[in-house]
mmCIF file of all heavy atoms, coordinates in Angstrom:
data_MODEL
# 
_entry.id   MODEL 
# 
loop_
_atom_site.group_PDB 
_atom_site.id 
_atom_site.type_symbol 
_atom_site.label_atom_id 
_atom_site.label_alt_id 
_atom_site.label_comp_id 
_atom_site.label_asym_id 
_atom_site.label_entity_id 
_atom_site.label_seq_id 
_atom_site.pdbx_PDB_ins_code 
_atom_site.Cartn_x 
_atom_site.Cartn_y 
_atom_site.Cartn_z 
_atom_site.occupancy 
_atom_site.B_iso_or_equiv 
_atom_site.pdbx_formal_charge 
_atom_site.auth_seq_id 
_atom_site.auth_comp_id 
_atom_site.auth_asym_id 
_atom_site.auth_atom_id 
_atom_site.pdbx_PDB_model_num 
ATOM 1   N N   . PRO A 1 1  ? 2.748   -5.518  15.451  1.00 0.00 ? 1  PRO A N   1 
ATOM 2   C CA  . PRO A 1 1  ? 2.992   -4.116  15.118  1.00 0.00 ? 1  PRO A CA  1 
ATOM 3   C C   . PRO A 1 1  ? 2.627   -3.771  13.680  1.00 0.00 ? 1  PRO A C   1 
ATOM 4   O O   . PRO A 1 1  ? 2.582   -2.607  13.320  1.00 0.00 ? 1  PRO A O   1 
ATOM 5   C CB  . PRO A 1 1  ? 4.503   -3.934  15.330  1.00 0.00 ? 1  PRO A CB  1 
ATOM 6   C CG  . PRO A 1 1  ? 4.985   -5.141  16.006  1.00 0.00 ? 1  PRO A CG  1 
ATOM 7   C CD  . PRO A 1 1  ? 3.962   -6.211  15.802  1.00 0.00 ? 1  PRO A CD  1 
ATOM 8   N N   . LEU A 1 2  ? 2.353   -4.758  12.853  1.00 0.00 ? 2  LEU A N   1 
ATOM 9   C CA  . LEU A 1 2  ? 2.064   -4.482  11.456  1.00 0.00 ? 2  LEU A CA  1 
ATOM 10  C C   . LEU A 1 2  ? 0.633   -4.039  11.217  1.00 0.00 ? 2  LEU A C   1 
ATOM 11  O O   . LEU A 1 2  ? 0.323   -3.510  10.165  1.00 0.00 ? 2  LEU A O   1 
ATOM 12  C CB  . LEU A 1 2  ? 2.360   -5.717  10.592  1.00 0.00 ? 2  LEU A CB  1 
ATOM 13  C CG  . LEU A 1 2  ? 3.818   -6.167  10.582  1.00 0.00 ? 2  LEU A CG  1 
ATOM 14  C CD1 . LEU A 1 2  ? 3.966   -7.415  9.727   1.00 0.00 ? 2  LEU A CD1 1 
ATOM 15  C CD2 . LEU A 1 2  ? 4.733   -5.074  10.081  1.00 0.00 ? 2  LEU A CD2 1 
ATOM 16  N N   . LEU A 1 3  ? -0.260  -4.278  12.160  1.00 0.00 ? 3  LEU A N   1 
ATOM 17  C CA  . LEU A 1 3  ? -1.623  -3.802  11.984  1.00 0.00 ? 3  LEU A CA  1 
ATOM 18  C C   . LEU A 1 3  ? -1.630  -2.293  12.087  1.00 0.00 ? 3  LEU A C   1 
ATOM 19  O O   . LEU A 1 3  ? -1.020  -1.712  12.970  1.00 0.00 ? 3  LEU A O   1 
ATOM 20  C CB  . LEU A 1 3  ? -2.550  -4.405  13.047  1.00 0.00 ? 3  LEU A CB  1 
ATOM 21  C CG  . LEU A 1 3  ? -2.830  -5.891  12.898  1.00 0.00 ? 3  LEU A CG  1 
ATOM 22  C CD1 . LEU A 1 3  ? -3.706  -6.357  14.055  1.00 0.00 ? 3  LEU A CD1 1 
ATOM 23  C CD2 . LEU A 1 3  ? -3.489  -6.195  11.579  1.00 0.00 ? 3  LEU A CD2 1 
ATOM 24  N N   . LEU A 1 4  ? -2.324  -1.671  11.170  1.00 0.00 ? 4  LEU A N   1 
ATOM 25  C CA  . LEU A 1 4  ? -2.331  -0.214  11.139  1.00 0.00 ? 4  LEU A CA  1 
ATOM 26  C C   . LEU A 1 4  ? -3.535  0.342   11.877  1.00 0.00 ? 4  LEU A C   1 
ATOM 27  O O   . LEU A 1 4  ? -4.629  -0.202  11.776  1.00 0.00 ? 4  LEU A O   1 
ATOM 28  C CB  . LEU A 1 4  ? -2.396  0.275   9.687   1.00 0.00 ? 4  LEU A CB  1 
ATOM 29  C CG  . LEU A 1 4  ? -1.178  -0.030  8.845   1.00 0.00 ? 4  LEU A CG  1 
ATOM 30  C CD1 . LEU A 1 4  ? -1.423  0.457   7.416   1.00 0.00 ? 4  LEU A CD1 1 
ATOM 31  C CD2 . LEU A 1 4  ? 0.054   0.628   9.403   1.00 0.00 ? 4  LEU A CD2 1 
ATOM 32  N N   . PRO A 1 5  ? -3.342  1.451   12.573  1.00 0.00 ? 5  PRO A N   1 
ATOM 33  C CA  . PRO A 1 5  ? -4.503  2.118   13.146  1.00 0.00 ? 5  PRO A CA  1 
ATOM 34  C C   . PRO A 1 5  ? -5.311  2.734   12.013  1.00 0.00 ? 5  PRO A C   1 
ATOM 35  O O   . PRO A 1 5  ? -4.843  2.860   10.895  1.00 0.00 ? 5  PRO A O   1 
ATOM 36  C CB  . PRO A 1 5  ? -3.872  3.199   14.036  1.00 0.00 ? 5  PRO A CB  1 
ATOM 37  C CG  . PRO A 1 5  ? -2.557  3.466   13.398  1.00 0.00 ? 5  PRO A CG  1 
ATOM 38  C CD  . PRO A 1 5  ? -2.103  2.142   12.816  1.00 0.00 ? 5  PRO A CD  1 
ATOM 39  N N   . SER A 1 6  ? -6.513  3.137   12.317  1.00 0.00 ? 6  SER A N   1 
ATOM 40  C CA  . SER A 1 6  ? -7.327  3.810   11.311  1.00 0.00 ? 6  SER A CA  1 
ATOM 41  C C   . SER A 1 6  ? -6.617  5.070   10.854  1.00 0.00 ? 6  SER A C   1 
ATOM 42  O O   . SER A 1 6  ? -6.047  5.805   11.657  1.00 0.00 ? 6  SER A O   1 
ATOM 43  C CB  . SER A 1 6  ? -8.691  4.183   11.886  1.00 0.00 ? 6  SER A CB  1 
ATOM 44  O OG  . SER A 1 6  ? -9.393  3.022   12.236  1.00 0.00 ? 6  SER A OG  1 
ATOM 45  N N   . LEU A 1 7  ? -6.659  5.293   9.555   1.00 0.00 ? 7  LEU A N   1 
ATOM 46  C CA  . LEU A 1 7  ? -6.040  6.491   9.005   1.00 0.00 ? 7  LEU A CA  1 
ATOM 47  C C   . LEU A 1 7  ? -7.035  7.632   9.032   1.00 0.00 ? 7  LEU A C   1 
ATOM 48  O O   . LEU A 1 7  ? -8.240  7.417   8.979   1.00 0.00 ? 7  LEU A O   1 
ATOM 49  C CB  . LEU A 1 7  ? -5.575  6.216   7.571   1.00 0.00 ? 7  LEU A CB  1 
ATOM 50  C CG  . LEU A 1 7  ? -4.441  5.209   7.465   1.00 0.00 ? 7  LEU A CG  1 
ATOM 51  C CD1 . LEU A 1 7  ? -4.192  4.847   6.004   1.00 0.00 ? 7  LEU A CD1 1 
ATOM 52  C CD2 . LEU A 1 7  ? -3.173  5.758   8.083   1.00 0.00 ? 7  LEU A CD2 1 
ATOM 53  N N   . PRO A 1 8  ? -6.530  8.862   9.084   1.00 0.00 ? 8  PRO A N   1 
ATOM 54  C CA  . PRO A 1 8  ? -7.443  9.996   9.119   1.00 0.00 ? 8  PRO A CA  1 
ATOM 55  C C   . PRO A 1 8  ? -8.265  10.065  7.846   1.00 0.00 ? 8  PRO A C   1 
ATOM 56  O O   . PRO A 1 8  ? -7.847  9.617   6.789   1.00 0.00 ? 8  PRO A O   1 
ATOM 57  C CB  . PRO A 1 8  ? -6.506  11.210  9.241   1.00 0.00 ? 8  PRO A CB  1 
ATOM 58  C CG  . PRO A 1 8  ? -5.148  10.717  8.961   1.00 0.00 ? 8  PRO A CG  1 
ATOM 59  C CD  . PRO A 1 8  ? -5.145  9.235   9.108   1.00 0.00 ? 8  PRO A CD  1 
ATOM 60  N N   . ALA A 1 9  ? -9.450  10.643  7.976   1.00 0.00 ? 9  ALA A N   1 
ATOM 61  C CA  . ALA A 1 9  ? -10.297 10.829  6.802   1.00 0.00 ? 9  ALA A CA  1 
ATOM 62  C C   . ALA A 1 9  ? -9.516  11.637  5.772   1.00 0.00 ? 9  ALA A C   1 
ATOM 63  O O   . ALA A 1 9  ? -8.790  12.563  6.106   1.00 0.00 ? 9  ALA A O   1 
ATOM 64  C CB  . ALA A 1 9  ? -11.575 11.557  7.199   1.00 0.00 ? 9  ALA A CB  1 
ATOM 65  N N   . GLY A 1 10 ? -9.643  11.269  4.537   1.00 0.00 ? 10 GLY A N   1 
ATOM 66  C CA  . GLY A 1 10 ? -8.908  11.962  3.486   1.00 0.00 ? 10 GLY A CA  1 
ATOM 67  C C   . GLY A 1 10 ? -7.644  11.247  3.082   1.00 0.00 ? 10 GLY A C   1 
ATOM 68  O O   . GLY A 1 10 ? -7.044  11.580  2.072   1.00 0.00 ? 10 GLY A O   1 
ATOM 69  N N   . ALA A 1 11 ? -7.196  10.273  3.877   1.00 0.00 ? 11 ALA A N   1 
ATOM 70  C CA  . ALA A 1 11 ? -6.019  9.486   3.498   1.00 0.00 ? 11 ALA A CA  1 
ATOM 71  C C   . ALA A 1 11 ? -6.504  8.394   2.553   1.00 0.00 ? 11 ALA A C   1 
ATOM 72  O O   . ALA A 1 11 ? -7.005  7.373   2.975   1.00 0.00 ? 11 ALA A O   1 
ATOM 73  C CB  . ALA A 1 11 ? -5.349  8.890   4.724   1.00 0.00 ? 11 ALA A CB  1 
ATOM 74  N N   . LEU A 1 12 ? -6.415  8.661   1.271   1.00 0.00 ? 12 LEU A N   1 
ATOM 75  C CA  . LEU A 1 12 ? -6.959  7.749   0.278   1.00 0.00 ? 12 LEU A CA  1 
ATOM 76  C C   . LEU A 1 12 ? -5.950  6.678   -0.100  1.00 0.00 ? 12 LEU A C   1 
ATOM 77  O O   . LEU A 1 12 ? -4.762  6.931   -0.165  1.00 0.00 ? 12 LEU A O   1 
ATOM 78  C CB  . LEU A 1 12 ? -7.375  8.533   -0.973  1.00 0.00 ? 12 LEU A CB  1 
ATOM 79  C CG  . LEU A 1 12 ? -8.430  9.599   -0.756  1.00 0.00 ? 12 LEU A CG  1 
ATOM 80  C CD1 . LEU A 1 12 ? -8.669  10.365  -2.046  1.00 0.00 ? 12 LEU A CD1 1 
ATOM 81  C CD2 . LEU A 1 12 ? -9.720  8.994   -0.242  1.00 0.00 ? 12 LEU A CD2 1 
ATOM 82  N N   . ALA A 1 13 ? -6.473  5.499   -0.371  1.00 0.00 ? 13 ALA A N   1 
ATOM 83  C CA  . ALA A 1 13 ? -5.635  4.389   -0.810  1.00 0.00 ? 13 ALA A CA  1 
ATOM 84  C C   . ALA A 1 13 ? -5.609  4.354   -2.328  1.00 0.00 ? 13 ALA A C   1 
ATOM 85  O O   . ALA A 1 13 ? -6.626  4.558   -2.975  1.00 0.00 ? 13 ALA A O   1 
ATOM 86  C CB  . ALA A 1 13 ? -6.176  3.080   -0.256  1.00 0.00 ? 13 ALA A CB  1 
ATOM 87  N N   . ALA A 1 14 ? -4.446  4.120   -2.883  1.00 0.00 ? 14 ALA A N   1 
ATOM 88  C CA  . ALA A 1 14 ? -4.283  3.912   -4.318  1.00 0.00 ? 14 ALA A CA  1 
ATOM 89  C C   . ALA A 1 14 ? -3.709  2.513   -4.482  1.00 0.00 ? 14 ALA A C   1 
ATOM 90  O O   . ALA A 1 14 ? -2.538  2.287   -4.181  1.00 0.00 ? 14 ALA A O   1 
ATOM 91  C CB  . ALA A 1 14 ? -3.361  4.963   -4.908  1.00 0.00 ? 14 ALA A CB  1 
ATOM 92  N N   . CYS A 1 15 ? -4.550  1.584   -4.902  1.00 0.00 ? 15 CYS A N   1 
ATOM 93  C CA  . CYS A 1 15 ? -4.090  0.203   -5.018  1.00 0.00 ? 15 CYS A CA  1 
ATOM 94  C C   . CYS A 1 15 ? -3.319  0.012   -6.316  1.00 0.00 ? 15 CYS A C   1 
ATOM 95  O O   . CYS A 1 15 ? -3.632  0.620   -7.339  1.00 0.00 ? 15 CYS A O   1 
ATOM 96  C CB  . CYS A 1 15 ? -5.263  -0.751  -4.915  1.00 0.00 ? 15 CYS A CB  1 
ATOM 97  S SG  . CYS A 1 15 ? -6.007  -0.696  -3.261  1.00 0.00 ? 15 CYS A SG  1 
ATOM 98  N N   . LEU A 1 16 ? -2.292  -0.819  -6.228  1.00 0.00 ? 16 LEU A N   1 
ATOM 99  C CA  . LEU A 1 16 ? -1.383  -1.031  -7.347  1.00 0.00 ? 16 LEU A CA  1 
ATOM 100 C C   . LEU A 1 16 ? -1.901  -2.140  -8.260  1.00 0.00 ? 16 LEU A C   1 
ATOM 101 O O   . LEU A 1 16 ? -2.581  -3.058  -7.804  1.00 0.00 ? 16 LEU A O   1 
ATOM 102 C CB  . LEU A 1 16 ? 0.001   -1.427  -6.827  1.00 0.00 ? 16 LEU A CB  1 
ATOM 103 C CG  . LEU A 1 16 ? 0.889   -0.322  -6.253  1.00 0.00 ? 16 LEU A CG  1 
ATOM 104 C CD1 . LEU A 1 16 ? 0.302   0.325   -5.031  1.00 0.00 ? 16 LEU A CD1 1 
ATOM 105 C CD2 . LEU A 1 16 ? 2.260   -0.859  -5.954  1.00 0.00 ? 16 LEU A CD2 1 
ATOM 106 N N   . SER A 1 17 ? -1.517  -2.056  -9.528  1.00 0.00 ? 17 SER A N   1 
ATOM 107 C CA  . SER A 1 17 ? -1.787  -3.148  -10.455 1.00 0.00 ? 17 SER A CA  1 
ATOM 108 C C   . SER A 1 17 ? -0.852  -4.296  -10.098 1.00 0.00 ? 17 SER A C   1 
ATOM 109 O O   . SER A 1 17 ? 0.110   -4.130  -9.334  1.00 0.00 ? 17 SER A O   1 
ATOM 110 C CB  . SER A 1 17 ? -1.535  -2.696  -11.895 1.00 0.00 ? 17 SER A CB  1 
ATOM 111 O OG  . SER A 1 17 ? -0.147  -2.461  -12.092 1.00 0.00 ? 17 SER A OG  1 
ATOM 112 N N   . GLN A 1 18 ? -1.107  -5.473  -10.661 1.00 0.00 ? 18 GLN A N   1 
ATOM 113 C CA  . GLN A 1 18 ? -0.257  -6.633  -10.394 1.00 0.00 ? 18 GLN A CA  1 
ATOM 114 C C   . GLN A 1 18 ? 1.206   -6.353  -10.746 1.00 0.00 ? 18 GLN A C   1 
ATOM 115 O O   . GLN A 1 18 ? 2.093   -6.614  -9.925  1.00 0.00 ? 18 GLN A O   1 
ATOM 116 C CB  . GLN A 1 18 ? -0.791  -7.858  -11.154 1.00 0.00 ? 18 GLN A CB  1 
ATOM 117 C CG  . GLN A 1 18 ? -0.060  -9.141  -10.834 1.00 0.00 ? 18 GLN A CG  1 
ATOM 118 C CD  . GLN A 1 18 ? -0.319  -9.646  -9.423  1.00 0.00 ? 18 GLN A CD  1 
ATOM 119 O OE1 . GLN A 1 18 ? -1.311  -9.281  -8.788  1.00 0.00 ? 18 GLN A OE1 1 
ATOM 120 N NE2 . GLN A 1 18 ? 0.544   -10.477 -8.933  1.00 0.00 ? 18 GLN A NE2 1 
ATOM 121 N N   . PRO A 1 19 ? 1.505   -5.803  -11.947 1.00 0.00 ? 19 PRO A N   1 
ATOM 122 C CA  . PRO A 1 19 ? 2.917   -5.508  -12.258 1.00 0.00 ? 19 PRO A CA  1 
ATOM 123 C C   . PRO A 1 19 ? 3.542   -4.474  -11.306 1.00 0.00 ? 19 PRO A C   1 
ATOM 124 O O   . PRO A 1 19 ? 4.701   -4.595  -10.925 1.00 0.00 ? 19 PRO A O   1 
ATOM 125 C CB  . PRO A 1 19 ? 2.871   -4.972  -13.692 1.00 0.00 ? 19 PRO A CB  1 
ATOM 126 C CG  . PRO A 1 19 ? 1.605   -5.519  -14.270 1.00 0.00 ? 19 PRO A CG  1 
ATOM 127 C CD  . PRO A 1 19 ? 0.647   -5.598  -13.117 1.00 0.00 ? 19 PRO A CD  1 
ATOM 128 N N   . GLN A 1 20 ? 2.769   -3.466  -10.909 1.00 0.00 ? 20 GLN A N   1 
ATOM 129 C CA  . GLN A 1 20 ? 3.284   -2.466  -9.971  1.00 0.00 ? 20 GLN A CA  1 
ATOM 130 C C   . GLN A 1 20 ? 3.567   -3.085  -8.607  1.00 0.00 ? 20 GLN A C   1 
ATOM 131 O O   . GLN A 1 20 ? 4.574   -2.763  -7.971  1.00 0.00 ? 20 GLN A O   1 
ATOM 132 C CB  . GLN A 1 20 ? 2.277   -1.321  -9.809  1.00 0.00 ? 20 GLN A CB  1 
ATOM 133 C CG  . GLN A 1 20 ? 2.124   -0.446  -11.022 1.00 0.00 ? 20 GLN A CG  1 
ATOM 134 C CD  . GLN A 1 20 ? 0.960   0.524   -10.879 1.00 0.00 ? 20 GLN A CD  1 
ATOM 135 O OE1 . GLN A 1 20 ? -0.091  0.191   -10.317 1.00 0.00 ? 20 GLN A OE1 1 
ATOM 136 N NE2 . GLN A 1 20 ? 1.145   1.725   -11.401 1.00 0.00 ? 20 GLN A NE2 1 
ATOM 137 N N   . ALA A 1 21 ? 2.669   -3.969  -8.158  1.00 0.00 ? 21 ALA A N   1 
ATOM 138 C CA  . ALA A 1 21 ? 2.868   -4.636  -6.870  1.00 0.00 ? 21 ALA A CA  1 
ATOM 139 C C   . ALA A 1 21 ? 4.104   -5.526  -6.920  1.00 0.00 ? 21 ALA A C   1 
ATOM 140 O O   . ALA A 1 21 ? 4.909   -5.531  -5.978  1.00 0.00 ? 21 ALA A O   1 
ATOM 141 C CB  . ALA A 1 21 ? 1.628   -5.454  -6.501  1.00 0.00 ? 21 ALA A CB  1 
ATOM 142 N N   . GLN A 1 22 ? 4.273   -6.268  -8.005  1.00 0.00 ? 22 GLN A N   1 
ATOM 143 C CA  . GLN A 1 22 ? 5.456   -7.123  -8.156  1.00 0.00 ? 22 GLN A CA  1 
ATOM 144 C C   . GLN A 1 22 ? 6.727   -6.287  -8.128  1.00 0.00 ? 22 GLN A C   1 
ATOM 145 O O   . GLN A 1 22 ? 7.718   -6.680  -7.507  1.00 0.00 ? 22 GLN A O   1 
ATOM 146 C CB  . GLN A 1 22 ? 5.366   -7.934  -9.445  1.00 0.00 ? 22 GLN A CB  1 
ATOM 147 C CG  . GLN A 1 22 ? 4.313   -9.009  -9.393  1.00 0.00 ? 22 GLN A CG  1 
ATOM 148 C CD  . GLN A 1 22 ? 4.085   -9.691  -10.734 1.00 0.00 ? 22 GLN A CD  1 
ATOM 149 O OE1 . GLN A 1 22 ? 4.399   -9.158  -11.792 1.00 0.00 ? 22 GLN A OE1 1 
ATOM 150 N NE2 . GLN A 1 22 ? 3.530   -10.896 -10.681 1.00 0.00 ? 22 GLN A NE2 1 
ATOM 151 N N   . GLN A 1 23 ? 6.712   -5.131  -8.770  1.00 0.00 ? 23 GLN A N   1 
ATOM 152 C CA  . GLN A 1 23 ? 7.887   -4.248  -8.787  1.00 0.00 ? 23 GLN A CA  1 
ATOM 153 C C   . GLN A 1 23 ? 8.184   -3.701  -7.394  1.00 0.00 ? 23 GLN A C   1 
ATOM 154 O O   . GLN A 1 23 ? 9.345   -3.638  -6.978  1.00 0.00 ? 23 GLN A O   1 
ATOM 155 C CB  . GLN A 1 23 ? 7.674   -3.100  -9.782  1.00 0.00 ? 23 GLN A CB  1 
ATOM 156 C CG  . GLN A 1 23 ? 8.813   -2.105  -9.827  1.00 0.00 ? 23 GLN A CG  1 
ATOM 157 C CD  . GLN A 1 23 ? 10.143  -2.715  -10.216 1.00 0.00 ? 23 GLN A CD  1 
ATOM 158 O OE1 . GLN A 1 23 ? 10.199  -3.638  -11.026 1.00 0.00 ? 23 GLN A OE1 1 
ATOM 159 N NE2 . GLN A 1 23 ? 11.221  -2.227  -9.638  1.00 0.00 ? 23 GLN A NE2 1 
ATOM 160 N N   . ALA A 1 24 ? 7.143   -3.313  -6.654  1.00 0.00 ? 24 ALA A N   1 
ATOM 161 C CA  . ALA A 1 24 ? 7.345   -2.781  -5.301  1.00 0.00 ? 24 ALA A CA  1 
ATOM 162 C C   . ALA A 1 24 ? 7.965   -3.836  -4.392  1.00 0.00 ? 24 ALA A C   1 
ATOM 163 O O   . ALA A 1 24 ? 8.854   -3.530  -3.586  1.00 0.00 ? 24 ALA A O   1 
ATOM 164 C CB  . ALA A 1 24 ? 6.018   -2.283  -4.725  1.00 0.00 ? 24 ALA A CB  1 
ATOM 165 N N   . VAL A 1 25 ? 7.534   -5.083  -4.524  1.00 0.00 ? 25 VAL A N   1 
ATOM 166 C CA  . VAL A 1 25 ? 8.095   -6.171  -3.716  1.00 0.00 ? 25 VAL A CA  1 
ATOM 167 C C   . VAL A 1 25 ? 9.506   -6.495  -4.182  1.00 0.00 ? 25 VAL A C   1 
ATOM 168 O O   . VAL A 1 25 ? 10.431  -6.619  -3.369  1.00 0.00 ? 25 VAL A O   1 
ATOM 169 C CB  . VAL A 1 25 ? 7.183   -7.422  -3.757  1.00 0.00 ? 25 VAL A CB  1 
ATOM 170 C CG1 . VAL A 1 25 ? 7.857   -8.611  -3.093  1.00 0.00 ? 25 VAL A CG1 1 
ATOM 171 C CG2 . VAL A 1 25 ? 5.837   -7.124  -3.087  1.00 0.00 ? 25 VAL A CG2 1 
ATOM 172 N N   . ALA A 1 26 ? 9.707   -6.599  -5.505  1.00 0.00 ? 26 ALA A N   1 
ATOM 173 C CA  . ALA A 1 26 ? 11.028  -6.940  -6.049  1.00 0.00 ? 26 ALA A CA  1 
ATOM 174 C C   . ALA A 1 26 ? 12.078  -5.889  -5.692  1.00 0.00 ? 26 ALA A C   1 
ATOM 175 O O   . ALA A 1 26 ? 13.240  -6.225  -5.460  1.00 0.00 ? 26 ALA A O   1 
ATOM 176 C CB  . ALA A 1 26 ? 10.945  -7.112  -7.563  1.00 0.00 ? 26 ALA A CB  1 
ATOM 177 N N   . SER A 1 27 ? 11.685  -4.626  -5.635  1.00 0.00 ? 27 SER A N   1 
ATOM 178 C CA  . SER A 1 27 ? 12.626  -3.549  -5.328  1.00 0.00 ? 27 SER A CA  1 
ATOM 179 C C   . SER A 1 27 ? 12.877  -3.407  -3.831  1.00 0.00 ? 27 SER A C   1 
ATOM 180 O O   . SER A 1 27 ? 13.704  -2.601  -3.412  1.00 0.00 ? 27 SER A O   1 
ATOM 181 C CB  . SER A 1 27 ? 12.104  -2.225  -5.889  1.00 0.00 ? 27 SER A CB  1 
ATOM 182 O OG  . SER A 1 27 ? 10.944  -1.804  -5.177  1.00 0.00 ? 27 SER A OG  1 
ATOM 183 N N   . GLY A 1 28 ? 12.127  -4.161  -3.012  1.00 0.00 ? 28 GLY A N   1 
ATOM 184 C CA  . GLY A 1 28 ? 12.324  -4.099  -1.566  1.00 0.00 ? 28 GLY A CA  1 
ATOM 185 C C   . GLY A 1 28 ? 11.546  -2.999  -0.883  1.00 0.00 ? 28 GLY A C   1 
ATOM 186 O O   . GLY A 1 28 ? 11.704  -2.778  0.318   1.00 0.00 ? 28 GLY A O   1 
# 
């Protein structure tokens, strides 16, 4: 269930920096 279907055009991804990613995981 974790695989995502294709997102609609215009749904842009904003990738996180390493510190931001660590914070997102640490905060749950």
